[in-house]
């Protein structure tokens, strides 16, 4: 995807997750 994201799928390691709002890119806590 060229980016870091808020959350991801622990089973498949992709971005197929429940989004209750548009998932924002480059999350600081994912970087941390």
ModelCIF file with pLDDT and N, C-alpha, C, O atoms, coordinates in Angstrom:
data_MODEL
#
_entry.id   MODEL 
#
_entity.id                         1 
_entity.type                       polymer 
_entity.pdbx_number_of_molecules   1 
#
_entity_poly.entity_id                      1 
_entity_poly.type                           'polypeptide(L)' 
_entity_poly.nstd_linkage                   no 
_entity_poly.nstd_monomer                   no 
_entity_poly.pdbx_seq_one_letter_code       
;(UNK)(UNK)(UNK)(UNK)(UNK)(UNK)(UNK)(UNK)(UNK)(UNK)(UNK)(UNK)(UNK)(UNK)(UNK)(UNK)
(UNK)(UNK)(UNK)(UNK)(UNK)(UNK)(UNK)(UNK)(UNK)(UNK)(UNK)(UNK)(UNK)(UNK)(UNK)(UNK)
;
_entity_poly.pdbx_seq_one_letter_code_can   XXXXXXXXXXXXXXXXXXXXXXXXXXXXXXXX 
_entity_poly.pdbx_strand_id                 A 
#
loop_
_entity_poly_seq.entity_id 
_entity_poly_seq.num 
_entity_poly_seq.mon_id 
_entity_poly_seq.hetero 
1 1  UNK n 
1 2  UNK n 
1 3  UNK n 
1 4  UNK n 
1 5  UNK n 
1 6  UNK n 
1 7  UNK n 
1 8  UNK n 
1 9  UNK n 
1 10 UNK n 
1 11 UNK n 
1 12 UNK n 
1 13 UNK n 
1 14 UNK n 
1 15 UNK n 
1 16 UNK n 
1 17 UNK n 
1 18 UNK n 
1 19 UNK n 
1 20 UNK n 
1 21 UNK n 
1 22 UNK n 
1 23 UNK n 
1 24 UNK n 
1 25 UNK n 
1 26 UNK n 
1 27 UNK n 
1 28 UNK n 
1 29 UNK n 
1 30 UNK n 
1 31 UNK n 
1 32 UNK n 
#
_struct_asym.id          A 
_struct_asym.entity_id   1 
#
loop_
_ma_qa_metric.id 
_ma_qa_metric.mode 
_ma_qa_metric.name 
_ma_qa_metric.software_group_id 
_ma_qa_metric.type 
1 global pLDDT . pLDDT 
2 local  pLDDT . pLDDT 
#
_ma_qa_metric_global.metric_id      1 
_ma_qa_metric_global.metric_value   93.31 
_ma_qa_metric_global.model_id       1 
_ma_qa_metric_global.ordinal_id     1 
#
loop_
_ma_qa_metric_local.label_asym_id 
_ma_qa_metric_local.label_comp_id 
_ma_qa_metric_local.label_seq_id 
_ma_qa_metric_local.metric_id 
_ma_qa_metric_local.metric_value 
_ma_qa_metric_local.model_id 
_ma_qa_metric_local.ordinal_id 
A UNK 1  2 96.00 1 1  
A UNK 2  2 96.00 1 2  
A UNK 3  2 96.00 1 3  
A UNK 4  2 97.00 1 4  
A UNK 5  2 96.00 1 5  
A UNK 6  2 94.00 1 6  
A UNK 7  2 96.00 1 7  
A UNK 8  2 97.00 1 8  
A UNK 9  2 98.00 1 9  
A UNK 10 2 98.00 1 10 
A UNK 11 2 98.00 1 11 
A UNK 12 2 98.00 1 12 
A UNK 13 2 97.00 1 13 
A UNK 14 2 97.00 1 14 
A UNK 15 2 96.00 1 15 
A UNK 16 2 95.00 1 16 
A UNK 17 2 93.00 1 17 
A UNK 18 2 87.00 1 18 
A UNK 19 2 85.00 1 19 
A UNK 20 2 84.00 1 20 
A UNK 21 2 82.00 1 21 
A UNK 22 2 84.00 1 22 
A UNK 23 2 88.00 1 23 
A UNK 24 2 86.00 1 24 
A UNK 25 2 89.00 1 25 
A UNK 26 2 87.00 1 26 
A UNK 27 2 90.00 1 27 
A UNK 28 2 95.00 1 28 
A UNK 29 2 97.00 1 29 
A UNK 30 2 98.00 1 30 
A UNK 31 2 98.00 1 31 
A UNK 32 2 98.00 1 32 
#
loop_
_atom_site.group_PDB 
_atom_site.id 
_atom_site.type_symbol 
_atom_site.label_atom_id 
_atom_site.label_alt_id 
_atom_site.label_comp_id 
_atom_site.label_asym_id 
_atom_site.label_entity_id 
_atom_site.label_seq_id 
_atom_site.pdbx_PDB_ins_code 
_atom_site.Cartn_x 
_atom_site.Cartn_y 
_atom_site.Cartn_z 
_atom_site.occupancy 
_atom_site.B_iso_or_equiv 
_atom_site.pdbx_formal_charge 
_atom_site.auth_seq_id 
_atom_site.auth_comp_id 
_atom_site.auth_asym_id 
_atom_site.auth_atom_id 
_atom_site.pdbx_PDB_model_num 
ATOM 1   N N  . UNK A 1 1  ? 0.800   -1.226  0.000  1.00 96.00 ? 1  UNK A N  1 
ATOM 2   C CA . UNK A 1 1  ? 0.000   0.000   0.000  1.00 96.00 ? 1  UNK A CA 1 
ATOM 3   C C  . UNK A 1 1  ? 0.833   1.277   0.000  1.00 96.00 ? 1  UNK A C  1 
ATOM 4   O O  . UNK A 1 1  ? 0.318   2.354   -0.299 1.00 96.00 ? 1  UNK A O  1 
ATOM 5   N N  . UNK A 1 2  ? 2.124   1.161   0.335  1.00 96.00 ? 2  UNK A N  1 
ATOM 6   C CA . UNK A 1 2  ? 2.986   2.339   0.395  1.00 96.00 ? 2  UNK A CA 1 
ATOM 7   C C  . UNK A 1 2  ? 2.759   3.203   1.616  1.00 96.00 ? 2  UNK A C  1 
ATOM 8   O O  . UNK A 1 2  ? 3.155   4.368   1.641  1.00 96.00 ? 2  UNK A O  1 
ATOM 9   N N  . UNK A 1 3  ? 2.108   2.624   2.655  1.00 96.00 ? 3  UNK A N  1 
ATOM 10  C CA . UNK A 1 3  ? 1.808   3.438   3.825  1.00 96.00 ? 3  UNK A CA 1 
ATOM 11  C C  . UNK A 1 3  ? 1.663   2.573   5.079  1.00 96.00 ? 3  UNK A C  1 
ATOM 12  O O  . UNK A 1 3  ? 1.657   1.344   5.004  1.00 96.00 ? 3  UNK A O  1 
ATOM 13  N N  . UNK A 1 4  ? 1.547   3.233   6.221  1.00 97.00 ? 4  UNK A N  1 
ATOM 14  C CA . UNK A 1 4  ? 1.214   2.589   7.491  1.00 97.00 ? 4  UNK A CA 1 
ATOM 15  C C  . UNK A 1 4  ? -0.219  2.964   7.831  1.00 97.00 ? 4  UNK A C  1 
ATOM 16  O O  . UNK A 1 4  ? -0.695  4.038   7.464  1.00 97.00 ? 4  UNK A O  1 
ATOM 17  N N  . UNK A 1 5  ? -0.909  2.059   8.542  1.00 96.00 ? 5  UNK A N  1 
ATOM 18  C CA . UNK A 1 5  ? -2.334  2.250   8.773  1.00 96.00 ? 5  UNK A CA 1 
ATOM 19  C C  . UNK A 1 5  ? -2.692  2.032   10.233 1.00 96.00 ? 5  UNK A C  1 
ATOM 20  O O  . UNK A 1 5  ? -1.889  1.545   11.029 1.00 96.00 ? 5  UNK A O  1 
ATOM 21  N N  . UNK A 1 6  ? -3.906  2.402   10.554 1.00 94.00 ? 6  UNK A N  1 
ATOM 22  C CA . UNK A 1 6  ? -4.375  2.372   11.936 1.00 94.00 ? 6  UNK A CA 1 
ATOM 23  C C  . UNK A 1 6  ? -4.435  0.954   12.510 1.00 94.00 ? 6  UNK A C  1 
ATOM 24  O O  . UNK A 1 6  ? -4.093  0.737   13.672 1.00 94.00 ? 6  UNK A O  1 
ATOM 25  N N  . UNK A 1 7  ? -4.861  0.007   11.707 1.00 96.00 ? 7  UNK A N  1 
ATOM 26  C CA . UNK A 1 7  ? -5.029  -1.373  12.154 1.00 96.00 ? 7  UNK A CA 1 
ATOM 27  C C  . UNK A 1 7  ? -4.899  -2.283  10.948 1.00 96.00 ? 7  UNK A C  1 
ATOM 28  O O  . UNK A 1 7  ? -4.831  -1.817  9.810  1.00 96.00 ? 7  UNK A O  1 
ATOM 29  N N  . UNK A 1 8  ? -4.864  -3.600  11.205 1.00 97.00 ? 8  UNK A N  1 
ATOM 30  C CA . UNK A 1 8  ? -4.775  -4.556  10.101 1.00 97.00 ? 8  UNK A CA 1 
ATOM 31  C C  . UNK A 1 8  ? -5.382  -5.873  10.541 1.00 97.00 ? 8  UNK A C  1 
ATOM 32  O O  . UNK A 1 8  ? -5.801  -6.023  11.689 1.00 97.00 ? 8  UNK A O  1 
ATOM 33  N N  . UNK A 1 9  ? -5.426  -6.820  9.630  1.00 98.00 ? 9  UNK A N  1 
ATOM 34  C CA . UNK A 1 9  ? -6.033  -8.121  9.876  1.00 98.00 ? 9  UNK A CA 1 
ATOM 35  C C  . UNK A 1 9  ? -4.977  -9.081  10.431 1.00 98.00 ? 9  UNK A C  1 
ATOM 36  O O  . UNK A 1 9  ? -3.996  -9.385  9.753  1.00 98.00 ? 9  UNK A O  1 
ATOM 37  N N  . UNK A 1 10 ? -5.179  -9.558  11.670 1.00 98.00 ? 10 UNK A N  1 
ATOM 38  C CA . UNK A 1 10 ? -4.192  -10.413 12.330 1.00 98.00 ? 10 UNK A CA 1 
ATOM 39  C C  . UNK A 1 10 ? -4.160  -11.823 11.753 1.00 98.00 ? 10 UNK A C  1 
ATOM 40  O O  . UNK A 1 10 ? -3.188  -12.553 11.952 1.00 98.00 ? 10 UNK A O  1 
ATOM 41  N N  . UNK A 1 11 ? -5.201  -12.205 11.050 1.00 98.00 ? 11 UNK A N  1 
ATOM 42  C CA . UNK A 1 11 ? -5.253  -13.552 10.483 1.00 98.00 ? 11 UNK A CA 1 
ATOM 43  C C  . UNK A 1 11 ? -4.517  -13.616 9.151  1.00 98.00 ? 11 UNK A C  1 
ATOM 44  O O  . UNK A 1 11 ? -3.810  -14.585 8.872  1.00 98.00 ? 11 UNK A O  1 
ATOM 45  N N  . UNK A 1 12 ? -4.684  -12.580 8.325  1.00 98.00 ? 12 UNK A N  1 
ATOM 46  C CA . UNK A 1 12 ? -4.125  -12.623 6.974  1.00 98.00 ? 12 UNK A CA 1 
ATOM 47  C C  . UNK A 1 12 ? -3.068  -11.549 6.703  1.00 98.00 ? 12 UNK A C  1 
ATOM 48  O O  . UNK A 1 12 ? -2.452  -11.558 5.637  1.00 98.00 ? 12 UNK A O  1 
ATOM 49  N N  . UNK A 1 13 ? -2.848  -10.644 7.625  1.00 97.00 ? 13 UNK A N  1 
ATOM 50  C CA . UNK A 1 13 ? -1.809  -9.634  7.442  1.00 97.00 ? 13 UNK A CA 1 
ATOM 51  C C  . UNK A 1 13 ? -2.109  -8.657  6.331  1.00 97.00 ? 13 UNK A C  1 
ATOM 52  O O  . UNK A 1 13 ? -1.202  -8.215  5.625  1.00 97.00 ? 13 UNK A O  1 
ATOM 53  N N  . UNK A 1 14 ? -3.397  -8.308  6.164  1.00 97.00 ? 14 UNK A N  1 
ATOM 54  C CA . UNK A 1 14 ? -3.782  -7.339  5.144  1.00 97.00 ? 14 UNK A CA 1 
ATOM 55  C C  . UNK A 1 14 ? -4.707  -6.293  5.766  1.00 97.00 ? 14 UNK A C  1 
ATOM 56  O O  . UNK A 1 14 ? -4.858  -6.246  6.987  1.00 97.00 ? 14 UNK A O  1 
ATOM 57  N N  . UNK A 1 15 ? -5.321  -5.464  4.939  1.00 96.00 ? 15 UNK A N  1 
ATOM 58  C CA . UNK A 1 15 ? -6.168  -4.376  5.430  1.00 96.00 ? 15 UNK A CA 1 
ATOM 59  C C  . UNK A 1 15 ? -7.653  -4.715  5.390  1.00 96.00 ? 15 UNK A C  1 
ATOM 60  O O  . UNK A 1 15 ? -8.495  -3.817  5.407  1.00 96.00 ? 15 UNK A O  1 
ATOM 61  N N  . UNK A 1 16 ? -7.977  -5.996  5.338  1.00 95.00 ? 16 UNK A N  1 
ATOM 62  C CA . UNK A 1 16 ? -9.382  -6.416  5.334  1.00 95.00 ? 16 UNK A CA 1 
ATOM 63  C C  . UNK A 1 16 ? -9.898  -6.442  6.765  1.00 95.00 ? 16 UNK A C  1 
ATOM 64  O O  . UNK A 1 16 ? -9.909  -7.482  7.425  1.00 95.00 ? 16 UNK A O  1 
ATOM 65  N N  . UNK A 1 17 ? -10.327 -5.266  7.230  1.00 93.00 ? 17 UNK A N  1 
ATOM 66  C CA . UNK A 1 17 ? -10.793 -5.100  8.607  1.00 93.00 ? 17 UNK A CA 1 
ATOM 67  C C  . UNK A 1 17 ? -12.082 -4.304  8.617  1.00 93.00 ? 17 UNK A C  1 
ATOM 68  O O  . UNK A 1 17 ? -12.453 -3.677  7.624  1.00 93.00 ? 17 UNK A O  1 
ATOM 69  N N  . UNK A 1 18 ? -12.761 -4.338  9.760  1.00 87.00 ? 18 UNK A N  1 
ATOM 70  C CA . UNK A 1 18 ? -13.979 -3.555  9.951  1.00 87.00 ? 18 UNK A CA 1 
ATOM 71  C C  . UNK A 1 18 ? -13.596 -2.085  10.088 1.00 87.00 ? 18 UNK A C  1 
ATOM 72  O O  . UNK A 1 18 ? -12.780 -1.734  10.940 1.00 87.00 ? 18 UNK A O  1 
ATOM 73  N N  . UNK A 1 19 ? -14.173 -1.229  9.262  1.00 85.00 ? 19 UNK A N  1 
ATOM 74  C CA . UNK A 1 19 ? -13.939 0.210   9.336  1.00 85.00 ? 19 UNK A CA 1 
ATOM 75  C C  . UNK A 1 19 ? -15.237 0.920   9.692  1.00 85.00 ? 19 UNK A C  1 
ATOM 76  O O  . UNK A 1 19 ? -16.176 0.950   8.897  1.00 85.00 ? 19 UNK A O  1 
ATOM 77  N N  . UNK A 1 20 ? -15.284 1.491   10.894 1.00 84.00 ? 20 UNK A N  1 
ATOM 78  C CA . UNK A 1 20 ? -16.459 2.252   11.303 1.00 84.00 ? 20 UNK A CA 1 
ATOM 79  C C  . UNK A 1 20 ? -16.361 3.697   10.828 1.00 84.00 ? 20 UNK A C  1 
ATOM 80  O O  . UNK A 1 20 ? -17.304 4.477   10.968 1.00 84.00 ? 20 UNK A O  1 
ATOM 81  N N  . UNK A 1 21 ? -15.211 4.038   10.267 1.00 82.00 ? 21 UNK A N  1 
ATOM 82  C CA . UNK A 1 21 ? -14.953 5.339   9.645  1.00 82.00 ? 21 UNK A CA 1 
ATOM 83  C C  . UNK A 1 21 ? -13.816 5.108   8.665  1.00 82.00 ? 21 UNK A C  1 
ATOM 84  O O  . UNK A 1 21 ? -13.197 4.044   8.680  1.00 82.00 ? 21 UNK A O  1 
ATOM 85  N N  . UNK A 1 22 ? -13.531 6.083   7.817  1.00 84.00 ? 22 UNK A N  1 
ATOM 86  C CA . UNK A 1 22 ? -12.451 5.901   6.850  1.00 84.00 ? 22 UNK A CA 1 
ATOM 87  C C  . UNK A 1 22 ? -11.122 5.761   7.581  1.00 84.00 ? 22 UNK A C  1 
ATOM 88  O O  . UNK A 1 22 ? -10.735 6.644   8.347  1.00 84.00 ? 22 UNK A O  1 
ATOM 89  N N  . UNK A 1 23 ? -10.422 4.652   7.347  1.00 88.00 ? 23 UNK A N  1 
ATOM 90  C CA . UNK A 1 23 ? -9.179  4.398   8.081  1.00 88.00 ? 23 UNK A CA 1 
ATOM 91  C C  . UNK A 1 23 ? -8.085  5.363   7.634  1.00 88.00 ? 23 UNK A C  1 
ATOM 92  O O  . UNK A 1 23 ? -7.754  5.409   6.449  1.00 88.00 ? 23 UNK A O  1 
ATOM 93  N N  . UNK A 1 24 ? -7.520  6.135   8.562  1.00 86.00 ? 24 UNK A N  1 
ATOM 94  C CA . UNK A 1 24 ? -6.508  7.125   8.184  1.00 86.00 ? 24 UNK A CA 1 
ATOM 95  C C  . UNK A 1 24 ? -5.135  6.503   7.950  1.00 86.00 ? 24 UNK A C  1 
ATOM 96  O O  . UNK A 1 24 ? -4.794  5.490   8.561  1.00 86.00 ? 24 UNK A O  1 
ATOM 97  N N  . UNK A 1 25 ? -4.340  7.118   7.055  1.00 89.00 ? 25 UNK A N  1 
ATOM 98  C CA . UNK A 1 25 ? -2.993  6.601   6.770  1.00 89.00 ? 25 UNK A CA 1 
ATOM 99  C C  . UNK A 1 25 ? -1.943  7.144   7.719  1.00 89.00 ? 25 UNK A C  1 
ATOM 100 O O  . UNK A 1 25 ? -2.155  8.139   8.412  1.00 89.00 ? 25 UNK A O  1 
ATOM 101 N N  . UNK A 1 26 ? -0.800  6.461   7.734  1.00 87.00 ? 26 UNK A N  1 
ATOM 102 C CA . UNK A 1 26 ? 0.336   6.776   8.583  1.00 87.00 ? 26 UNK A CA 1 
ATOM 103 C C  . UNK A 1 26 ? -0.076  7.109   10.009 1.00 87.00 ? 26 UNK A C  1 
ATOM 104 O O  . UNK A 1 26 ? -0.129  8.275   10.398 1.00 87.00 ? 26 UNK A O  1 
ATOM 105 N N  . UNK A 1 27 ? -0.360  6.098   10.761 1.00 90.00 ? 27 UNK A N  1 
ATOM 106 C CA . UNK A 1 27 ? -0.701  6.274   12.163 1.00 90.00 ? 27 UNK A CA 1 
ATOM 107 C C  . UNK A 1 27 ? 0.571   6.317   12.996 1.00 90.00 ? 27 UNK A C  1 
ATOM 108 O O  . UNK A 1 27 ? 1.421   5.433   12.894 1.00 90.00 ? 27 UNK A O  1 
ATOM 109 N N  . UNK A 1 28 ? 0.694   7.350   13.820 1.00 95.00 ? 28 UNK A N  1 
ATOM 110 C CA . UNK A 1 28 ? 1.878   7.507   14.664 1.00 95.00 ? 28 UNK A CA 1 
ATOM 111 C C  . UNK A 1 28 ? 2.104   6.331   15.586 1.00 95.00 ? 28 UNK A C  1 
ATOM 112 O O  . UNK A 1 28 ? 3.244   5.947   15.846 1.00 95.00 ? 28 UNK A O  1 
ATOM 113 N N  . UNK A 1 29 ? 0.998   5.746   16.091 1.00 97.00 ? 29 UNK A N  1 
ATOM 114 C CA . UNK A 1 29 ? 1.227   4.647   17.027 1.00 97.00 ? 29 UNK A CA 1 
ATOM 115 C C  . UNK A 1 29 ? 1.640   3.368   16.300 1.00 97.00 ? 29 UNK A C  1 
ATOM 116 O O  . UNK A 1 29 ? 2.336   2.535   16.880 1.00 97.00 ? 29 UNK A O  1 
ATOM 117 N N  . UNK A 1 30 ? 1.233   3.200   15.064 1.00 98.00 ? 30 UNK A N  1 
ATOM 118 C CA . UNK A 1 30 ? 1.728   2.070   14.282 1.00 98.00 ? 30 UNK A CA 1 
ATOM 119 C C  . UNK A 1 30 ? 3.224   2.217   14.038 1.00 98.00 ? 30 UNK A C  1 
ATOM 120 O O  . UNK A 1 30 ? 3.969   1.240   14.116 1.00 98.00 ? 30 UNK A O  1 
ATOM 121 N N  . UNK A 1 31 ? 3.663   3.438   13.742 1.00 98.00 ? 31 UNK A N  1 
ATOM 122 C CA . UNK A 1 31 ? 5.091   3.706   13.577 1.00 98.00 ? 31 UNK A CA 1 
ATOM 123 C C  . UNK A 1 31 ? 5.843   3.424   14.870 1.00 98.00 ? 31 UNK A C  1 
ATOM 124 O O  . UNK A 1 31 ? 6.895   2.785   14.850 1.00 98.00 ? 31 UNK A O  1 
ATOM 125 N N  . UNK A 1 32 ? 5.309   3.897   15.996 1.00 98.00 ? 32 UNK A N  1 
ATOM 126 C CA . UNK A 1 32 ? 5.959   3.671   17.289 1.00 98.00 ? 32 UNK A CA 1 
ATOM 127 C C  . UNK A 1 32 ? 6.086   2.198   17.611 1.00 98.00 ? 32 UNK A C  1 
ATOM 128 O O  . UNK A 1 32 ? 6.612   1.840   18.664 1.00 98.00 ? 32 UNK A O  1 
#
